[in-house]
Amino acid sequence: MFLRSSGINAEYGYRIKLGARVNIPIGDLQGSVYSVLGNKSGRVFNYGTASQLVYSIRDEDDNQVLPHSVRRTLYTEDFNLLTAASLNGGNAINLIYDQLFHDKGIDYDNLMNEAYSKRNTTLTVDPVFLGERHDTRKFGSFSNIQLNNFTIGDIAAATFRGIINNLISMMEHFRGDQSAPLYAVGIADREIMQYYLREVIGEFILHEQEVTAAYGAILFDIDNEIP
């Protein structure tokens, strides 16, 4: 169950009145996904400080042995979440920017523009700069470096593409429903990520609203009329 328990507030605090009903959800992931999918199947690509690729799958269909890079968590009565949760996302881009370009007179918007102009780069970046939970011995790398593909735009573009490719590799041995609708979160203002997501995974529905666990928990409460 998504909702672990509910009760009545017995002490005034945080401007919550006495006697108010308080619901306690299981976790941030479920709340965030619910704010996008609700109680239905689908896929969510979430780009933030880190990045995730999530499948919502009916419990009755969830019978696979998962690779160590994919985590199974409870979602609702009928669905589970199967998630590749990378430690590397926007923080990889920030690291590249801070270490290589911060003192070059390039702002973040310029970096995005440079990246998009080099979206067909032959440079390859595996941006696992923080390692991963399932493989603590693997770290980032640059490869196929050539004289004409190591510009600011090439490096940024290859890093963006690498973030998505890393999630795909984490899902490599999981046979998910590729026809399920894919919702993209956190990339409404990042055209380069939209380009690579479409190229690597396929068409998607751009989710432009801010996604928060608290909002998802409230939606779940409303949708399910929890007493």
C-alpha atoms as a PDB file:
ATOM      1  CA  MET A   1       0.000   0.000   0.000  1.00  0.00           C
ATOM      2  CA  PHE A   2       1.134   3.525  -0.741  1.00  0.00           C
ATOM      3  CA  LEU A   3      -0.359   4.767   2.527  1.00  0.00           C
ATOM      4  CA  ARG A   4       1.261   3.252   5.560  1.00  0.00           C
ATOM      5  CA  SER A   5      -1.025   4.670   8.244  1.00  0.00           C
ATOM      6  CA  SER A   6      -3.277   7.533   9.230  1.00  0.00           C
ATOM      7  CA  GLY A   7      -4.174   9.160  12.495  1.00  0.00           C
ATOM      8  CA  ILE A   8      -5.290  12.314  14.276  1.00  0.00           C
ATOM      9  CA  ASN A   9      -2.989  15.167  15.180  1.00  0.00           C
ATOM     10  CA  ALA A  10      -2.840  15.320  18.981  1.00  0.00           C
ATOM     11  CA  GLU A  11      -0.474  18.250  19.458  1.00  0.00           C
ATOM     12  CA  TYR A  12      -0.473  21.701  17.910  1.00  0.00           C
ATOM     13  CA  GLY A  13       2.544  22.357  15.742  1.00  0.00           C
ATOM     14  CA  TYR A  14       3.522  23.589  12.288  1.00  0.00           C
ATOM     15  CA  ARG A  15       0.157  25.397  12.195  1.00  0.00           C
ATOM     16  CA  ILE A  16      -1.693  22.075  11.954  1.00  0.00           C
ATOM     17  CA  LYS A  17      -4.828  22.290  14.068  1.00  0.00           C
ATOM     18  CA  LEU A  18      -5.635  19.768  16.780  1.00  0.00           C
ATOM     19  CA  GLY A  19      -7.749  16.904  15.525  1.00  0.00           C
ATOM     20  CA  ALA A  20      -6.609  17.245  11.925  1.00  0.00           C
ATOM     21  CA  ARG A  21      -6.213  13.958  10.070  1.00  0.00           C
ATOM     22  CA  VAL A  22      -2.584  13.087   9.291  1.00  0.00           C
ATOM     23  CA  ASN A  23      -1.656  10.523   6.642  1.00  0.00           C
ATOM     24  CA  ILE A  24       1.834   9.043   6.439  1.00  0.00           C
ATOM     25  CA  PRO A  25       2.924   7.835   2.992  1.00  0.00           C
ATOM     26  CA  ILE A  26       5.644   5.240   2.459  1.00  0.00           C
ATOM     27  CA  GLY A  27       8.204   7.371   0.667  1.00  0.00           C
ATOM     28  CA  ASP A  28       9.239  10.242  -1.564  1.00  0.00           C
ATOM     29  CA  LEU A  29       9.516   8.110  -4.689  1.00  0.00           C
ATOM     30  CA  GLN A  30       5.936   6.891  -4.519  1.00  0.00           C
ATOM     31  CA  GLY A  31       4.603  10.380  -3.853  1.00  0.00           C
ATOM     32  CA  SER A  32       6.566  11.898  -6.705  1.00  0.00           C
ATOM     33  CA  VAL A  33       5.493   9.213  -9.170  1.00  0.00           C
ATOM     34  CA  TYR A  34       1.858   9.447  -8.060  1.00  0.00           C
ATOM     35  CA  SER A  35       1.828  13.158  -8.873  1.00  0.00           C
ATOM     36  CA  VAL A  36       2.560  12.140 -12.489  1.00  0.00           C
ATOM     37  CA  LEU A  37       0.948   8.731 -13.045  1.00  0.00           C
ATOM     38  CA  GLY A  38      -1.706   8.398 -10.374  1.00  0.00           C
ATOM     39  CA  ASN A  39      -3.015   4.851 -10.012  1.00  0.00           C
ATOM     40  CA  LYS A  40      -2.099   3.563 -13.470  1.00  0.00           C
ATOM     41  CA  SER A  41       0.731   1.931 -15.342  1.00  0.00           C
ATOM     42  CA  GLY A  42       3.339   3.921 -17.200  1.00  0.00           C
ATOM     43  CA  ARG A  43       6.940   5.085 -17.191  1.00  0.00           C
ATOM     44  CA  VAL A  44       8.524   8.192 -15.699  1.00  0.00           C
ATOM     45  CA  PHE A  45      11.887   9.686 -16.570  1.00  0.00           C
ATOM     46  CA  ASN A  46      12.826  12.140 -13.837  1.00  0.00           C
ATOM     47  CA  TYR A  47      15.749  14.507 -14.177  1.00  0.00           C
ATOM     48  CA  GLY A  48      16.907  16.469 -11.169  1.00  0.00           C
ATOM     49  CA  THR A  49      20.052  16.496  -9.060  1.00  0.00           C
ATOM     50  CA  ALA A  50      20.056  12.745  -9.674  1.00  0.00           C
ATOM     51  CA  SER A  51      17.987  10.861 -12.288  1.00  0.00           C
ATOM     52  CA  GLN A  52      15.513   7.987 -12.325  1.00  0.00           C
ATOM     53  CA  LEU A  53      13.690   5.796 -14.809  1.00  0.00           C
ATOM     54  CA  VAL A  54      10.575   4.298 -13.216  1.00  0.00           C
ATOM     55  CA  TYR A  55       8.078   1.682 -14.377  1.00  0.00           C
ATOM     56  CA  SER A  56       4.700   1.370 -12.674  1.00  0.00           C
ATOM     57  CA  ILE A  57       3.627  -2.226 -13.173  1.00  0.00           C
ATOM     58  CA  ARG A  58       0.641  -4.241 -11.986  1.00  0.00           C
ATOM     59  CA  ASP A  59       1.485  -6.519  -9.091  1.00  0.00           C
ATOM     60  CA  GLU A  60       0.068  -9.529 -10.949  1.00  0.00           C
ATOM     61  CA  ASP A  61       2.490  -8.904 -13.829  1.00  0.00           C
ATOM     62  CA  ASP A  62       5.517  -8.270 -11.630  1.00  0.00           C
ATOM     63  CA  ASN A  63       7.203 -11.667 -11.695  1.00  0.00           C
ATOM     64  CA  GLN A  64      10.685 -10.906 -13.001  1.00  0.00           C
ATOM     65  CA  VAL A  65      13.990 -11.474 -11.260  1.00  0.00           C
ATOM     66  CA  LEU A  66      15.465  -7.980 -11.297  1.00  0.00           C
ATOM     67  CA  PRO A  67      19.086  -6.948 -11.824  1.00  0.00           C
ATOM     68  CA  HIS A  68      20.798  -5.323  -8.846  1.00  0.00           C
ATOM     69  CA  SER A  69      20.500  -1.946 -10.570  1.00  0.00           C
ATOM     70  CA  VAL A  70      16.673  -2.015 -10.450  1.00  0.00           C
ATOM     71  CA  ARG A  71      14.750  -1.646  -7.212  1.00  0.00           C
ATOM     72  CA  ARG A  72      11.222  -2.913  -6.529  1.00  0.00           C
ATOM     73  CA  THR A  73       9.061  -0.875  -4.149  1.00  0.00           C
ATOM     74  CA  LEU A  74       5.424  -0.957  -3.109  1.00  0.00           C
ATOM     75  CA  TYR A  75       3.222   1.666  -4.752  1.00  0.00           C
ATOM     76  CA  THR A  76      -0.540   1.124  -4.469  1.00  0.00           C
ATOM     77  CA  GLU A  77      -2.704  -1.913  -3.794  1.00  0.00           C
ATOM     78  CA  ASP A  78      -2.450  -2.970  -7.440  1.00  0.00           C
ATOM     79  CA  PHE A  79       0.915  -1.625  -8.585  1.00  0.00           C
ATOM     80  CA  ASN A  80       4.617  -1.820  -7.787  1.00  0.00           C
ATOM     81  CA  LEU A  81       7.378   0.525  -8.913  1.00  0.00           C
ATOM     82  CA  LEU A  82      10.482  -0.822 -10.628  1.00  0.00           C
ATOM     83  CA  THR A  83      13.146   1.870 -10.563  1.00  0.00           C
ATOM     84  CA  ALA A  84      16.618   2.486 -11.899  1.00  0.00           C
ATOM     85  CA  ALA A  85      17.741   5.261  -9.565  1.00  0.00           C
ATOM     86  CA  SER A  86      21.058   6.801 -10.561  1.00  0.00           C
ATOM     87  CA  LEU A  87      23.107   8.978  -8.242  1.00  0.00           C
ATOM     88  CA  ASN A  88      24.134  10.961 -11.309  1.00  0.00           C
ATOM     89  CA  GLY A  89      21.938  13.505 -13.058  1.00  0.00           C
ATOM     90  CA  GLY A  90      22.001  17.268 -12.983  1.00  0.00           C
ATOM     91  CA  ASN A  91      24.897  17.039 -10.537  1.00  0.00           C
ATOM     92  CA  ALA A  92      27.040  15.586 -13.362  1.00  0.00           C
ATOM     93  CA  ILE A  93      26.352  18.640 -15.533  1.00  0.00           C
ATOM     94  CA  ASN A  94      27.039  20.948 -12.579  1.00  0.00           C
ATOM     95  CA  LEU A  95      30.341  19.200 -11.945  1.00  0.00           C
ATOM     96  CA  ILE A  96      31.373  19.589 -15.585  1.00  0.00           C
ATOM     97  CA  TYR A  97      30.373  23.245 -15.513  1.00  0.00           C
ATOM     98  CA  ASP A  98      32.113  24.047 -12.219  1.00  0.00           C
ATOM     99  CA  GLN A  99      35.322  22.177 -13.018  1.00  0.00           C
ATOM    100  CA  LEU A 100      35.779  23.080 -16.677  1.00  0.00           C
ATOM    101  CA  PHE A 101      33.720  26.090 -17.702  1.00  0.00           C
ATOM    102  CA  HIS A 102      32.893  28.234 -14.669  1.00  0.00           C
ATOM    103  CA  ASP A 103      35.856  30.550 -15.172  1.00  0.00           C
ATOM    104  CA  LYS A 104      35.527  30.682 -18.972  1.00  0.00           C
ATOM    105  CA  GLY A 105      32.852  33.388 -19.024  1.00  0.00           C
ATOM    106  CA  ILE A 106      30.135  30.897 -19.963  1.00  0.00           C
ATOM    107  CA  ASP A 107      26.827  30.937 -18.121  1.00  0.00           C
ATOM    108  CA  TYR A 108      24.480  27.978 -17.799  1.00  0.00           C
ATOM    109  CA  ASP A 109      22.152  29.101 -20.602  1.00  0.00           C
ATOM    110  CA  ASN A 110      25.113  29.381 -22.972  1.00  0.00           C
ATOM    111  CA  LEU A 111      26.181  25.897 -21.955  1.00  0.00           C
ATOM    112  CA  MET A 112      22.734  24.546 -22.902  1.00  0.00           C
ATOM    113  CA  ASN A 113      22.915  26.283 -26.279  1.00  0.00           C
ATOM    114  CA  GLU A 114      26.423  25.007 -26.941  1.00  0.00           C
ATOM    115  CA  ALA A 115      25.330  21.486 -26.024  1.00  0.00           C
ATOM    116  CA  TYR A 116      22.366  21.554 -28.384  1.00  0.00           C
ATOM    117  CA  SER A 117      24.527  22.811 -31.232  1.00  0.00           C
ATOM    118  CA  LYS A 118      26.759  19.733 -30.723  1.00  0.00           C
ATOM    119  CA  ARG A 119      23.944  17.230 -30.156  1.00  0.00           C
ATOM    120  CA  ASN A 120      25.385  14.894 -32.819  1.00  0.00           C
ATOM    121  CA  THR A 121      28.803  14.768 -31.180  1.00  0.00           C
ATOM    122  CA  THR A 122      30.925  11.642 -31.526  1.00  0.00           C
ATOM    123  CA  LEU A 123      32.384  12.161 -28.049  1.00  0.00           C
ATOM    124  CA  THR A 124      31.224   9.676 -25.411  1.00  0.00           C
ATOM    125  CA  VAL A 125      30.921  10.506 -21.717  1.00  0.00           C
ATOM    126  CA  ASP A 126      29.911   8.004 -19.048  1.00  0.00           C
ATOM    127  CA  PRO A 127      28.988  10.543 -16.352  1.00  0.00           C
ATOM    128  CA  VAL A 128      29.014   8.190 -13.360  1.00  0.00           C
ATOM    129  CA  PHE A 129      31.116  10.642 -11.392  1.00  0.00           C
ATOM    130  CA  LEU A 130      29.604   9.636  -8.044  1.00  0.00           C
ATOM    131  CA  GLY A 131      29.542   5.911  -8.717  1.00  0.00           C
ATOM    132  CA  GLU A 132      26.294   3.969  -8.315  1.00  0.00           C
ATOM    133  CA  ARG A 133      24.666   2.108  -5.451  1.00  0.00           C
ATOM    134  CA  HIS A 134      24.743  -1.218  -7.306  1.00  0.00           C
ATOM    135  CA  ASP A 135      28.353  -0.815  -8.505  1.00  0.00           C
ATOM    136  CA  THR A 136      30.552   1.268  -6.219  1.00  0.00           C
ATOM    137  CA  ARG A 137      33.683   0.435  -8.261  1.00  0.00           C
ATOM    138  CA  LYS A 138      32.506   2.104 -11.468  1.00  0.00           C
ATOM    139  CA  PHE A 139      33.195   5.780 -12.127  1.00  0.00           C
ATOM    140  CA  GLY A 140      32.940   8.220 -15.008  1.00  0.00           C
ATOM    141  CA  SER A 141      34.973   8.271 -18.178  1.00  0.00           C
ATOM    142  CA  PHE A 142      35.521  10.110 -21.471  1.00  0.00           C
ATOM    143  CA  SER A 143      36.126   8.135 -24.656  1.00  0.00           C
ATOM    144  CA  ASN A 144      36.455   8.551 -28.425  1.00  0.00           C
ATOM    145  CA  ILE A 145      38.191  11.892 -27.893  1.00  0.00           C
ATOM    146  CA  GLN A 146      39.252  13.478 -31.183  1.00  0.00           C
ATOM    147  CA  LEU A 147      40.775  16.791 -32.190  1.00  0.00           C
ATOM    148  CA  ASN A 148      37.421  18.116 -33.404  1.00  0.00           C
ATOM    149  CA  ASN A 149      35.029  16.777 -30.748  1.00  0.00           C
ATOM    150  CA  PHE A 150      36.345  18.088 -27.430  1.00  0.00           C
ATOM    151  CA  THR A 151      34.737  21.521 -27.343  1.00  0.00           C
ATOM    152  CA  ILE A 152      32.527  22.913 -24.589  1.00  0.00           C
ATOM    153  CA  GLY A 153      29.425  21.939 -26.529  1.00  0.00           C
ATOM    154  CA  ASP A 154      30.670  18.406 -27.232  1.00  0.00           C
ATOM    155  CA  ILE A 155      31.496  17.735 -23.585  1.00  0.00           C
ATOM    156  CA  ALA A 156      28.164  19.065 -22.311  1.00  0.00           C
ATOM    157  CA  ALA A 157      26.126  17.267 -24.978  1.00  0.00           C
ATOM    158  CA  ALA A 158      27.885  13.951 -24.411  1.00  0.00           C
ATOM    159  CA  THR A 159      27.316  14.284 -20.665  1.00  0.00           C
ATOM    160  CA  PHE A 160      23.579  14.854 -21.127  1.00  0.00           C
ATOM    161  CA  ARG A 161      23.346  11.872 -23.454  1.00  0.00           C
ATOM    162  CA  GLY A 162      25.404   9.780 -21.044  1.00  0.00           C
ATOM    163  CA  ILE A 163      22.961  10.431 -18.185  1.00  0.00           C
ATOM    164  CA  ILE A 164      20.163   8.815 -20.190  1.00  0.00           C
ATOM    165  CA  ASN A 165      22.348   5.998 -21.519  1.00  0.00           C
ATOM    166  CA  ASN A 166      23.426   5.180 -17.969  1.00  0.00           C
ATOM    167  CA  LEU A 167      19.803   4.675 -16.908  1.00  0.00           C
ATOM    168  CA  ILE A 168      19.185   2.485 -19.955  1.00  0.00           C
ATOM    169  CA  SER A 169      22.192   0.344 -19.031  1.00  0.00           C
ATOM    170  CA  MET A 170      20.842  -0.003 -15.487  1.00  0.00           C
ATOM    171  CA  MET A 171      17.578  -1.297 -16.979  1.00  0.00           C
ATOM    172  CA  GLU A 172      19.394  -3.536 -19.472  1.00  0.00           C
ATOM    173  CA  HIS A 173      18.177  -6.900 -18.163  1.00  0.00           C
ATOM    174  CA  PHE A 174      14.689  -5.735 -17.215  1.00  0.00           C
ATOM    175  CA  ARG A 175      11.967  -6.449 -19.783  1.00  0.00           C
ATOM    176  CA  GLY A 176       9.550  -3.583 -19.239  1.00  0.00           C
ATOM    177  CA  ASP A 177       6.551  -2.624 -21.337  1.00  0.00           C
ATOM    178  CA  GLN A 178       8.088  -0.305 -23.918  1.00  0.00           C
ATOM    179  CA  SER A 179       4.620   0.637 -25.188  1.00  0.00           C
ATOM    180  CA  ALA A 180       3.609   2.140 -21.829  1.00  0.00           C
ATOM    181  CA  PRO A 181       3.344   5.945 -21.944  1.00  0.00           C
ATOM    182  CA  LEU A 182       6.552   7.718 -20.964  1.00  0.00           C
ATOM    183  CA  TYR A 183       6.327  10.934 -18.936  1.00  0.00           C
ATOM    184  CA  ALA A 184       9.364  13.217 -18.808  1.00  0.00           C
ATOM    185  CA  VAL A 185       9.846  15.327 -15.686  1.00  0.00           C
ATOM    186  CA  GLY A 186      12.409  18.070 -15.074  1.00  0.00           C
ATOM    187  CA  ILE A 187      13.401  18.755 -18.689  1.00  0.00           C
ATOM    188  CA  ALA A 188      10.762  21.266 -19.818  1.00  0.00           C
ATOM    189  CA  ASP A 189      13.433  23.947 -20.224  1.00  0.00           C
ATOM    190  CA  ARG A 190      16.208  21.603 -21.405  1.00  0.00           C
ATOM    191  CA  GLU A 191      15.813  21.072 -25.132  1.00  0.00           C
ATOM    192  CA  ILE A 192      18.978  19.007 -25.305  1.00  0.00           C
ATOM    193  CA  MET A 193      17.580  16.442 -22.840  1.00  0.00           C
ATOM    194  CA  GLN A 194      14.320  16.280 -24.767  1.00  0.00           C
ATOM    195  CA  TYR A 195      16.302  15.568 -27.922  1.00  0.00           C
ATOM    196  CA  TYR A 196      18.292  12.718 -26.373  1.00  0.00           C
ATOM    197  CA  LEU A 197      15.340  11.208 -24.509  1.00  0.00           C
ATOM    198  CA  ARG A 198      13.443  10.997 -27.789  1.00  0.00           C
ATOM    199  CA  GLU A 199      16.499   9.602 -29.579  1.00  0.00           C
ATOM    200  CA  VAL A 200      17.432   7.003 -26.954  1.00  0.00           C
ATOM    201  CA  ILE A 201      14.079   5.914 -25.470  1.00  0.00           C
ATOM    202  CA  GLY A 202      11.345   7.227 -27.757  1.00  0.00           C
ATOM    203  CA  GLU A 203       8.421   9.623 -27.769  1.00  0.00           C
ATOM    204  CA  PHE A 204       7.281  11.014 -24.439  1.00  0.00           C
ATOM    205  CA  ILE A 205       4.736  13.251 -22.748  1.00  0.00           C
ATOM    206  CA  LEU A 206       6.425  16.349 -21.358  1.00  0.00           C
ATOM    207  CA  HIS A 207       5.310  16.956 -17.772  1.00  0.00           C
ATOM    208  CA  GLU A 208       5.800  20.669 -17.151  1.00  0.00           C
ATOM    209  CA  GLN A 209       4.468  20.920 -13.588  1.00  0.00           C
ATOM    210  CA  GLU A 210       6.751  20.705 -10.590  1.00  0.00           C
ATOM    211  CA  VAL A 211       6.758  17.224  -9.099  1.00  0.00           C
ATOM    212  CA  THR A 212       6.869  16.809  -5.326  1.00  0.00           C
ATOM    213  CA  ALA A 213       6.217  13.890  -3.005  1.00  0.00           C
ATOM    214  CA  ALA A 214       3.912  16.028  -0.844  1.00  0.00           C
ATOM    215  CA  TYR A 215       1.705  16.923  -3.805  1.00  0.00           C
ATOM    216  CA  GLY A 216       1.507  13.279  -4.841  1.00  0.00           C
ATOM    217  CA  ALA A 217       0.569  12.231  -1.314  1.00  0.00           C
ATOM    218  CA  ILE A 218      -2.261  14.765  -1.253  1.00  0.00           C
ATOM    219  CA  LEU A 219      -3.519  13.553  -4.643  1.00  0.00           C
ATOM    220  CA  PHE A 220      -3.480   9.977  -3.388  1.00  0.00           C
ATOM    221  CA  ASP A 221      -5.467  11.018  -0.326  1.00  0.00           C
ATOM    222  CA  ILE A 222      -8.072  12.813  -2.482  1.00  0.00           C
ATOM    223  CA  ASP A 223      -8.307  10.063  -5.105  1.00  0.00           C
ATOM    224  CA  ASN A 224      -8.757   7.314  -2.557  1.00  0.00           C
ATOM    225  CA  GLU A 225     -10.898   9.190  -0.016  1.00  0.00           C
ATOM    226  CA  ILE A 226      -8.932   7.833   2.917  1.00  0.00           C
ATOM    227  CA  PRO A 227     -11.038   8.090   6.094  1.00  0.00           C
END
